[in-house]
Structure formats: structure tokens, C-alpha cells
Amino acid sequence: MAMTLDASSPIPLHVQLKEVLKKTIQMGEYTERIPSEKELIETFAVSRTTVREAVAALVRDGILQKVHGKGTFVTSHTVNEWLGSLRGFTETMEGMGMKPGIRLLRHGVRKNPKIGKILGASKYYSVERLRFAEEEAVALERTHYPLEIGLKLAKYDLNMIALYGVLEADGIILHSAEQKITAALPTKKDAQLLGIKANTAVLATERITWDPEGKVVEYYYTIFRADKYAFCVKMRRKIKTF
């Protein structure tokens, strides 16, 4: 891998540096702490601002994490999803520069009083898929839709498509959502699919999504391997003024 940047390129230097560092991490050259700010400045012959912008972008993407007083480290989780925007699994993977994967487990019309109540119908359409990050199973995704939406999805190869992209291309707007994340224990079957022991805790995510008119368009329940997937959020404290 070339360890130099192209100053004549229209791509900003901090973006070039971000991509070089990301590829280096993905190739396994950096597995724990990355070089210091000073070392990166000397290696790539760039300014401190360029290095800080590149590293900050990788921190936002969940690829790096800063540890106060110690340095910047490669995150221990395979996937780090930043909360605050409504994104699908494929979009999260691509944002991290990772290859997403899908294995369709089952799909079709279902009946369940709890889910039916959320979707406002006795029957609905369910899609259950095992999701992969770089060919490693990390999530078991169960999504449920009103019948008219689900039957549109059924026309596609559900082993291939990103659901949100297809929905939006069909004019279905995913406007807002409420999400809850809890700890849970998987069933024996779910644990086998994820490649973990049945007594291993997982992260369970429950989300209801509405369109701009306030109609529920999706009920989403997915479990994630807690050793491979993390949810991240950035917070600020509002300072009171007196």
C-alpha cells in the first residue's frame, strides 16, 4: 500500500488519509493503537489539522476510539453503529467500508397479535434474514411490514437487496422511528445461527418506523452479537446560564 498522499488530487488530503488509514486497519496492520499524531504527520508529510480531521472522521465511523491520556485505538467491535440517523444494516456496513452479507431464512405472511397490533392489521409480511459483516454473522434481523408493503418486497430477491433502498425507490418514505436497545438471551436456534452459545447475551433492538403521515411502515426486531456489534452515541451536556 502506498504510504504517500497526492497533493495534486481534487480529493482533500484528510479524506485521502482517512481512506489510507481505514485500509491499513482492514488489512490488519493496525490492530490496537494506531501511530501517534506526530508519527502520522511525519509519515504522510501533512499538517496537524489534516491528521486530526482524518482521525476524527474514523472515530465518527466507529473504526477508531480515543482513550484519554493513552492514544487512539482500533475499536474492539467489528461493527460500531452510530445512533441518531435512521439507517439500514447495509448502509451501516458501507459507511464503515465493510462488505455486508445476507442469508434469507424465511419470509411470508404471518399472524401474531402483538406485532399485528403495532402494524394495525391482523396479518402482515415478515422477512427474517441473517446479516453478515465481512462474511461473519453478526445479526439476526426480523422485519415486519403491512401486507401491501411486504408484497412489494416479495417481488425481489431478498437474499440480495437492501430493504430500505428498495422501499424508498418505491416511494415509501421512512420518516421517523423510535428504537429501544436491551440485553437479551437468544433461543438455542438463534444462538446457533449467530455462532454463539445459548447462554451468551445479545443486544436486542426493537424499532417502530413511521412515514410522514404517522402511519407505521415497519416493525423491526433484530438481535446482534454483543462481542461484534456496538451502538454508539455522541452526547453534549447543556450548560445552564445564570
C-alpha atoms as a PDB file:
ATOM      1  CA  MET A   1       0.000   0.000   0.000  1.00  0.00           C
ATOM      2  CA  ALA A   2       1.293   3.425  -0.949  1.00  0.00           C
ATOM      3  CA  MET A   3       2.076   5.453   2.143  1.00  0.00           C
ATOM      4  CA  THR A   4       2.005   8.812   0.356  1.00  0.00           C
ATOM      5  CA  LEU A   5      -0.848  11.165  -0.454  1.00  0.00           C
ATOM      6  CA  ASP A   6      -1.453  13.026  -3.710  1.00  0.00           C
ATOM      7  CA  ALA A   7      -1.393  16.757  -3.046  1.00  0.00           C
ATOM      8  CA  SER A   8      -2.497  17.445  -6.648  1.00  0.00           C
ATOM      9  CA  SER A   9      -5.656  15.346  -6.324  1.00  0.00           C
ATOM     10  CA  PRO A  10      -9.040  17.111  -6.057  1.00  0.00           C
ATOM     11  CA  ILE A  11      -9.762  14.794  -3.109  1.00  0.00           C
ATOM     12  CA  PRO A  12      -8.877  16.646   0.127  1.00  0.00           C
ATOM     13  CA  LEU A  13      -5.813  15.342   1.935  1.00  0.00           C
ATOM     14  CA  HIS A  14      -7.745  14.497   5.107  1.00  0.00           C
ATOM     15  CA  VAL A  15     -10.131  12.308   3.062  1.00  0.00           C
ATOM     16  CA  GLN A  16      -7.195  10.560   1.373  1.00  0.00           C
ATOM     17  CA  LEU A  17      -5.550   9.971   4.739  1.00  0.00           C
ATOM     18  CA  LYS A  18      -8.775   8.642   6.216  1.00  0.00           C
ATOM     19  CA  GLU A  19      -9.061   6.063   3.422  1.00  0.00           C
ATOM     20  CA  VAL A  20      -5.403   5.019   3.722  1.00  0.00           C
ATOM     21  CA  LEU A  21      -5.753   4.513   7.472  1.00  0.00           C
ATOM     22  CA  LYS A  22      -9.036   2.619   7.039  1.00  0.00           C
ATOM     23  CA  LYS A  23      -7.485   0.223   4.501  1.00  0.00           C
ATOM     24  CA  THR A  24      -4.437  -0.262   6.713  1.00  0.00           C
ATOM     25  CA  ILE A  25      -6.691  -1.183   9.641  1.00  0.00           C
ATOM     26  CA  GLN A  26      -8.772  -3.546   7.500  1.00  0.00           C
ATOM     27  CA  MET A  27      -5.584  -5.294   6.334  1.00  0.00           C
ATOM     28  CA  GLY A  28      -4.639  -5.882   9.960  1.00  0.00           C
ATOM     29  CA  GLU A  29      -1.543  -3.700  10.098  1.00  0.00           C
ATOM     30  CA  TYR A  30      -3.012  -1.741  12.992  1.00  0.00           C
ATOM     31  CA  THR A  31      -4.872  -3.984  15.422  1.00  0.00           C
ATOM     32  CA  GLU A  32      -4.634  -1.965  18.625  1.00  0.00           C
ATOM     33  CA  ARG A  33      -3.118   1.506  18.929  1.00  0.00           C
ATOM     34  CA  ILE A  34      -2.532   3.498  15.734  1.00  0.00           C
ATOM     35  CA  PRO A  35       0.579   5.722  15.331  1.00  0.00           C
ATOM     36  CA  SER A  36       0.609   8.967  17.255  1.00  0.00           C
ATOM     37  CA  GLU A  37      -0.430  12.270  15.734  1.00  0.00           C
ATOM     38  CA  LYS A  38       3.224  13.268  15.410  1.00  0.00           C
ATOM     39  CA  GLU A  39       4.134   9.989  13.687  1.00  0.00           C
ATOM     40  CA  LEU A  40       1.294  10.363  11.183  1.00  0.00           C
ATOM     41  CA  ILE A  41       2.328  13.934  10.407  1.00  0.00           C
ATOM     42  CA  GLU A  42       5.890  12.796   9.685  1.00  0.00           C
ATOM     43  CA  THR A  43       4.872   9.666   7.748  1.00  0.00           C
ATOM     44  CA  PHE A  44       2.434  11.409   5.407  1.00  0.00           C
ATOM     45  CA  ALA A  45       4.019  14.896   5.369  1.00  0.00           C
ATOM     46  CA  VAL A  46       0.741  16.597   6.225  1.00  0.00           C
ATOM     47  CA  SER A  47      -0.425  19.168   8.727  1.00  0.00           C
ATOM     48  CA  ARG A  48      -1.719  18.503  12.217  1.00  0.00           C
ATOM     49  CA  THR A  49      -5.161  19.675  11.070  1.00  0.00           C
ATOM     50  CA  THR A  50      -5.225  17.089   8.264  1.00  0.00           C
ATOM     51  CA  VAL A  51      -4.355  14.275  10.671  1.00  0.00           C
ATOM     52  CA  ARG A  52      -6.927  15.386  13.227  1.00  0.00           C
ATOM     53  CA  GLU A  53      -9.694  15.638  10.617  1.00  0.00           C
ATOM     54  CA  ALA A  54      -8.898  12.165   9.229  1.00  0.00           C
ATOM     55  CA  VAL A  55      -8.780  10.559  12.681  1.00  0.00           C
ATOM     56  CA  ALA A  56     -11.952  12.354  13.800  1.00  0.00           C
ATOM     57  CA  ALA A  57     -13.795  11.003  10.752  1.00  0.00           C
ATOM     58  CA  LEU A  58     -12.696   7.440  11.589  1.00  0.00           C
ATOM     59  CA  VAL A  59     -13.814   7.940  15.188  1.00  0.00           C
ATOM     60  CA  ARG A  60     -17.243   9.097  13.923  1.00  0.00           C
ATOM     61  CA  ASP A  61     -17.439   5.998  11.729  1.00  0.00           C
ATOM     62  CA  GLY A  62     -16.720   3.814  14.769  1.00  0.00           C
ATOM     63  CA  ILE A  63     -13.462   2.461  13.367  1.00  0.00           C
ATOM     64  CA  LEU A  64     -11.265   4.219  15.931  1.00  0.00           C
ATOM     65  CA  GLN A  65     -11.766   5.281  19.522  1.00  0.00           C
ATOM     66  CA  LYS A  66      -9.807   7.795  21.559  1.00  0.00           C
ATOM     67  CA  VAL A  67      -8.661   6.867  25.055  1.00  0.00           C
ATOM     68  CA  HIS A  68      -7.752   9.907  27.115  1.00  0.00           C
ATOM     69  CA  GLY A  69      -4.099  10.011  28.001  1.00  0.00           C
ATOM     70  CA  LYS A  70      -3.278   6.831  26.077  1.00  0.00           C
ATOM     71  CA  GLY A  71      -3.881   7.448  22.391  1.00  0.00           C
ATOM     72  CA  THR A  72      -6.191   6.346  19.589  1.00  0.00           C
ATOM     73  CA  PHE A  73      -7.094   2.687  19.210  1.00  0.00           C
ATOM     74  CA  VAL A  74      -8.824   0.409  16.732  1.00  0.00           C
ATOM     75  CA  THR A  75     -12.230  -0.408  18.172  1.00  0.00           C
ATOM     76  CA  SER A  76     -12.668  -3.881  19.608  1.00  0.00           C
ATOM     77  CA  HIS A  77     -16.053  -4.426  17.938  1.00  0.00           C
ATOM     78  CA  THR A  78     -16.357  -5.478  14.320  1.00  0.00           C
ATOM     79  CA  VAL A  79     -19.199  -3.018  13.781  1.00  0.00           C
ATOM     80  CA  ASN A  80     -19.926   0.274  15.508  1.00  0.00           C
ATOM     81  CA  GLU A  81     -23.269   1.830  14.647  1.00  0.00           C
ATOM     82  CA  TRP A  82     -23.702   5.491  15.490  1.00  0.00           C
ATOM     83  CA  LEU A  83     -27.216   6.285  16.617  1.00  0.00           C
ATOM     84  CA  GLY A  84     -29.072   9.401  15.605  1.00  0.00           C
ATOM     85  CA  SER A  85     -29.973   8.625  11.984  1.00  0.00           C
ATOM     86  CA  LEU A  86     -32.348   6.053  10.538  1.00  0.00           C
ATOM     87  CA  ARG A  87     -30.195   3.637   8.579  1.00  0.00           C
ATOM     88  CA  GLY A  88     -30.396   0.044   7.463  1.00  0.00           C
ATOM     89  CA  PHE A  89     -27.765  -2.623   8.123  1.00  0.00           C
ATOM     90  CA  THR A  90     -26.293  -2.356   4.612  1.00  0.00           C
ATOM     91  CA  GLU A  91     -25.904   1.407   4.938  1.00  0.00           C
ATOM     92  CA  THR A  92     -24.120   0.971   8.270  1.00  0.00           C
ATOM     93  CA  MET A  93     -21.717  -1.586   6.783  1.00  0.00           C
ATOM     94  CA  GLU A  94     -20.952   0.515   3.736  1.00  0.00           C
ATOM     95  CA  GLY A  95     -20.385   3.569   5.954  1.00  0.00           C
ATOM     96  CA  MET A  96     -17.642   1.607   7.711  1.00  0.00           C
ATOM     97  CA  GLY A  97     -16.170   0.403   4.431  1.00  0.00           C
ATOM     98  CA  MET A  98     -17.201  -3.183   5.175  1.00  0.00           C
ATOM     99  CA  LYS A  99     -18.821  -5.804   2.969  1.00  0.00           C
ATOM    100  CA  PRO A 100     -22.383  -6.621   4.070  1.00  0.00           C
ATOM    101  CA  GLY A 101     -23.897 -10.042   3.547  1.00  0.00           C
ATOM    102  CA  ILE A 102     -27.353 -11.613   3.675  1.00  0.00           C
ATOM    103  CA  ARG A 103     -28.820 -15.074   4.086  1.00  0.00           C
ATOM    104  CA  LEU A 104     -32.586 -15.211   3.776  1.00  0.00           C
ATOM    105  CA  LEU A 105     -34.060 -17.549   6.391  1.00  0.00           C
ATOM    106  CA  ARG A 106     -37.758 -17.166   5.705  1.00  0.00           C
ATOM    107  CA  HIS A 107     -40.389 -14.706   4.559  1.00  0.00           C
ATOM    108  CA  GLY A 108     -44.137 -14.607   4.088  1.00  0.00           C
ATOM    109  CA  VAL A 109     -47.475 -13.638   5.595  1.00  0.00           C
ATOM    110  CA  ARG A 110     -47.638 -14.050   9.376  1.00  0.00           C
ATOM    111  CA  LYS A 111     -50.101 -13.564  12.228  1.00  0.00           C
ATOM    112  CA  ASN A 112     -49.129 -12.521  15.748  1.00  0.00           C
ATOM    113  CA  PRO A 113     -51.370 -10.391  17.978  1.00  0.00           C
ATOM    114  CA  LYS A 114     -48.536  -8.247  19.375  1.00  0.00           C
ATOM    115  CA  ILE A 115     -46.952  -7.433  16.017  1.00  0.00           C
ATOM    116  CA  GLY A 116     -50.345  -7.105  14.353  1.00  0.00           C
ATOM    117  CA  LYS A 117     -51.364  -4.505  16.919  1.00  0.00           C
ATOM    118  CA  ILE A 118     -48.219  -2.461  16.222  1.00  0.00           C
ATOM    119  CA  LEU A 119     -48.796  -2.591  12.452  1.00  0.00           C
ATOM    120  CA  GLY A 120     -52.548  -2.107  12.746  1.00  0.00           C
ATOM    121  CA  ALA A 121     -53.501  -5.317  10.957  1.00  0.00           C
ATOM    122  CA  SER A 122     -54.147  -8.949  11.882  1.00  0.00           C
ATOM    123  CA  LYS A 123     -51.897 -10.160   9.045  1.00  0.00           C
ATOM    124  CA  TYR A 124     -48.575  -8.715   7.978  1.00  0.00           C
ATOM    125  CA  TYR A 125     -45.492  -9.641   5.973  1.00  0.00           C
ATOM    126  CA  SER A 126     -42.308 -10.796   7.718  1.00  0.00           C
ATOM    127  CA  VAL A 127     -38.742 -11.071   6.454  1.00  0.00           C
ATOM    128  CA  GLU A 128     -36.144 -12.914   8.544  1.00  0.00           C
ATOM    129  CA  ARG A 129     -32.503 -12.680   7.471  1.00  0.00           C
ATOM    130  CA  LEU A 130     -29.092 -13.469   8.925  1.00  0.00           C
ATOM    131  CA  ARG A 131     -26.770 -10.493   8.398  1.00  0.00           C
ATOM    132  CA  PHE A 132     -23.029 -10.654   7.886  1.00  0.00           C
ATOM    133  CA  ALA A 133     -20.120  -8.224   8.213  1.00  0.00           C
ATOM    134  CA  GLU A 134     -17.136  -9.352   6.137  1.00  0.00           C
ATOM    135  CA  GLU A 135     -18.663 -12.861   5.919  1.00  0.00           C
ATOM    136  CA  GLU A 136     -19.076 -13.145   9.705  1.00  0.00           C
ATOM    137  CA  ALA A 137     -22.605 -13.492  11.128  1.00  0.00           C
ATOM    138  CA  VAL A 138     -23.297 -10.553  13.449  1.00  0.00           C
ATOM    139  CA  ALA A 139     -27.075 -10.051  13.455  1.00  0.00           C
ATOM    140  CA  LEU A 140     -30.377 -11.862  13.099  1.00  0.00           C
ATOM    141  CA  GLU A 141     -32.807  -9.423  11.518  1.00  0.00           C
ATOM    142  CA  ARG A 142     -36.582  -9.759  11.698  1.00  0.00           C
ATOM    143  CA  THR A 143     -38.577  -7.065   9.923  1.00  0.00           C
ATOM    144  CA  HIS A 144     -42.359  -6.883   9.668  1.00  0.00           C
ATOM    145  CA  TYR A 145     -44.420  -4.771   7.255  1.00  0.00           C
ATOM    146  CA  PRO A 146     -48.056  -4.057   6.407  1.00  0.00           C
ATOM    147  CA  LEU A 147     -49.141  -6.528   3.703  1.00  0.00           C
ATOM    148  CA  GLU A 148     -49.181  -4.012   0.862  1.00  0.00           C
ATOM    149  CA  ILE A 149     -45.551  -3.093   1.564  1.00  0.00           C
ATOM    150  CA  GLY A 150     -44.373  -6.633   2.218  1.00  0.00           C
ATOM    151  CA  LEU A 151     -45.878  -7.965  -1.003  1.00  0.00           C
ATOM    152  CA  LYS A 152     -43.900  -5.356  -2.919  1.00  0.00           C
ATOM    153  CA  LEU A 153     -40.706  -6.555  -1.248  1.00  0.00           C
ATOM    154  CA  ALA A 154     -41.591 -10.170  -2.061  1.00  0.00           C
ATOM    155  CA  LYS A 155     -41.089  -9.416  -5.757  1.00  0.00           C
ATOM    156  CA  TYR A 156     -37.358  -9.008  -5.156  1.00  0.00           C
ATOM    157  CA  ASP A 157     -34.573 -11.435  -4.299  1.00  0.00           C
ATOM    158  CA  LEU A 158     -34.441 -10.955  -0.527  1.00  0.00           C
ATOM    159  CA  ASN A 159     -31.009 -12.599  -0.446  1.00  0.00           C
ATOM    160  CA  MET A 160     -29.653  -9.600  -2.306  1.00  0.00           C
ATOM    161  CA  ILE A 161     -31.479  -6.349  -1.627  1.00  0.00           C
ATOM    162  CA  ALA A 162     -31.107  -3.590   0.937  1.00  0.00           C
ATOM    163  CA  LEU A 163     -34.704  -3.238   2.133  1.00  0.00           C
ATOM    164  CA  TYR A 164     -34.608   0.482   2.822  1.00  0.00           C
ATOM    165  CA  GLY A 165     -33.219   1.285  -0.606  1.00  0.00           C
ATOM    166  CA  VAL A 166     -35.992  -0.721  -2.288  1.00  0.00           C
ATOM    167  CA  LEU A 167     -38.709   0.826  -0.133  1.00  0.00           C
ATOM    168  CA  GLU A 168     -37.544   4.359  -0.845  1.00  0.00           C
ATOM    169  CA  ALA A 169     -37.225   3.644  -4.571  1.00  0.00           C
ATOM    170  CA  ASP A 170     -40.876   2.538  -4.433  1.00  0.00           C
ATOM    171  CA  GLY A 171     -41.947   5.826  -2.880  1.00  0.00           C
ATOM    172  CA  ILE A 172     -42.245   4.617   0.715  1.00  0.00           C
ATOM    173  CA  ILE A 173     -40.706   7.261   2.964  1.00  0.00           C
ATOM    174  CA  LEU A 174     -39.105   6.178   6.237  1.00  0.00           C
ATOM    175  CA  HIS A 175     -39.595   9.409   8.116  1.00  0.00           C
ATOM    176  CA  SER A 176     -39.062   8.811  11.840  1.00  0.00           C
ATOM    177  CA  ALA A 177     -38.567   5.998  14.312  1.00  0.00           C
ATOM    178  CA  GLU A 178     -38.351   5.078  17.968  1.00  0.00           C
ATOM    179  CA  GLN A 179     -35.800   2.486  18.992  1.00  0.00           C
ATOM    180  CA  LYS A 180     -35.098   0.579  22.180  1.00  0.00           C
ATOM    181  CA  ILE A 181     -31.970  -1.495  22.846  1.00  0.00           C
ATOM    182  CA  THR A 182     -31.888  -4.082  25.613  1.00  0.00           C
ATOM    183  CA  ALA A 183     -29.868  -7.106  26.675  1.00  0.00           C
ATOM    184  CA  ALA A 184     -31.411 -10.499  25.958  1.00  0.00           C
ATOM    185  CA  LEU A 185     -30.639 -14.198  25.741  1.00  0.00           C
ATOM    186  CA  PRO A 186     -31.038 -15.848  22.318  1.00  0.00           C
ATOM    187  CA  THR A 187     -33.015 -19.004  21.711  1.00  0.00           C
ATOM    188  CA  LYS A 188     -30.961 -22.107  21.061  1.00  0.00           C
ATOM    189  CA  LYS A 189     -31.707 -21.865  17.331  1.00  0.00           C
ATOM    190  CA  ASP A 190     -30.820 -18.162  17.160  1.00  0.00           C
ATOM    191  CA  ALA A 191     -27.567 -18.785  19.026  1.00  0.00           C
ATOM    192  CA  GLN A 192     -26.620 -21.480  16.516  1.00  0.00           C
ATOM    193  CA  LEU A 193     -27.279 -19.136  13.606  1.00  0.00           C
ATOM    194  CA  LEU A 194     -25.083 -16.453  15.175  1.00  0.00           C
ATOM    195  CA  GLY A 195     -22.369 -18.922  16.149  1.00  0.00           C
ATOM    196  CA  ILE A 196     -22.578 -18.269  19.896  1.00  0.00           C
ATOM    197  CA  LYS A 197     -23.546 -20.227  22.999  1.00  0.00           C
ATOM    198  CA  ALA A 198     -27.184 -20.100  24.073  1.00  0.00           C
ATOM    199  CA  ASN A 199     -26.241 -18.506  27.413  1.00  0.00           C
ATOM    200  CA  THR A 200     -24.394 -15.627  25.703  1.00  0.00           C
ATOM    201  CA  ALA A 201     -26.165 -12.272  25.990  1.00  0.00           C
ATOM    202  CA  VAL A 202     -27.064 -10.413  22.813  1.00  0.00           C
ATOM    203  CA  LEU A 203     -28.174  -6.864  22.071  1.00  0.00           C
ATOM    204  CA  ALA A 204     -31.858  -6.802  21.150  1.00  0.00           C
ATOM    205  CA  THR A 205     -33.055  -3.827  19.114  1.00  0.00           C
ATOM    206  CA  GLU A 206     -36.738  -3.047  18.729  1.00  0.00           C
ATOM    207  CA  ARG A 207     -37.741  -0.245  16.385  1.00  0.00           C
ATOM    208  CA  ILE A 208     -41.004   1.163  15.049  1.00  0.00           C
ATOM    209  CA  THR A 209     -40.797   3.344  11.939  1.00  0.00           C
ATOM    210  CA  TRP A 210     -43.416   5.781  10.635  1.00  0.00           C
ATOM    211  CA  ASP A 211     -43.981   7.570   7.341  1.00  0.00           C
ATOM    212  CA  PRO A 212     -44.534  11.384   7.208  1.00  0.00           C
ATOM    213  CA  GLU A 213     -48.290  10.899   7.799  1.00  0.00           C
ATOM    214  CA  GLY A 214     -47.648   8.964  11.019  1.00  0.00           C
ATOM    215  CA  LYS A 215     -48.519   5.533   9.612  1.00  0.00           C
ATOM    216  CA  VAL A 216     -46.409   2.613  10.835  1.00  0.00           C
ATOM    217  CA  VAL A 217     -44.448   1.188   7.899  1.00  0.00           C
ATOM    218  CA  GLU A 218     -42.104  -1.189   9.716  1.00  0.00           C
ATOM    219  CA  TYR A 219     -41.668  -3.061  12.970  1.00  0.00           C
ATOM    220  CA  TYR A 220     -38.066  -4.188  13.338  1.00  0.00           C
ATOM    221  CA  TYR A 221     -36.669  -6.614  15.876  1.00  0.00           C
ATOM    222  CA  THR A 222     -33.047  -7.643  15.496  1.00  0.00           C
ATOM    223  CA  ILE A 223     -30.543  -9.317  17.792  1.00  0.00           C
ATOM    224  CA  PHE A 224     -26.838  -8.549  17.499  1.00  0.00           C
ATOM    225  CA  ARG A 225     -23.764 -10.353  18.747  1.00  0.00           C
ATOM    226  CA  ALA A 226     -22.629  -8.186  21.649  1.00  0.00           C
ATOM    227  CA  ASP A 227     -18.978  -9.089  21.046  1.00  0.00           C
ATOM    228  CA  LYS A 228     -19.149  -7.964  17.424  1.00  0.00           C
ATOM    229  CA  TYR A 229     -21.620  -5.081  17.348  1.00  0.00           C
ATOM    230  CA  ALA A 230     -21.820  -1.888  19.365  1.00  0.00           C
ATOM    231  CA  PHE A 231     -24.199   1.058  19.375  1.00  0.00           C
ATOM    232  CA  CYS A 232     -22.548   4.426  19.850  1.00  0.00           C
ATOM    233  CA  VAL A 233     -23.951   7.836  20.617  1.00  0.00           C
ATOM    234  CA  LYS A 234     -22.390  11.260  20.927  1.00  0.00           C
ATOM    235  CA  MET A 235     -23.714  13.496  23.728  1.00  0.00           C
ATOM    236  CA  ARG A 236     -23.311  17.032  24.957  1.00  0.00           C
ATOM    237  CA  ARG A 237     -24.202  18.487  28.283  1.00  0.00           C
ATOM    238  CA  LYS A 238     -26.328  21.584  28.113  1.00  0.00           C
ATOM    239  CA  ILE A 239     -24.684  24.183  30.302  1.00  0.00           C
ATOM    240  CA  LYS A 240     -27.068  26.297  32.305  1.00  0.00           C
ATOM    241  CA  THR A 241     -26.513  30.002  32.178  1.00  0.00           C
ATOM    242  CA  PHE A 242     -27.392  32.121  35.169  1.00  0.00           C
END
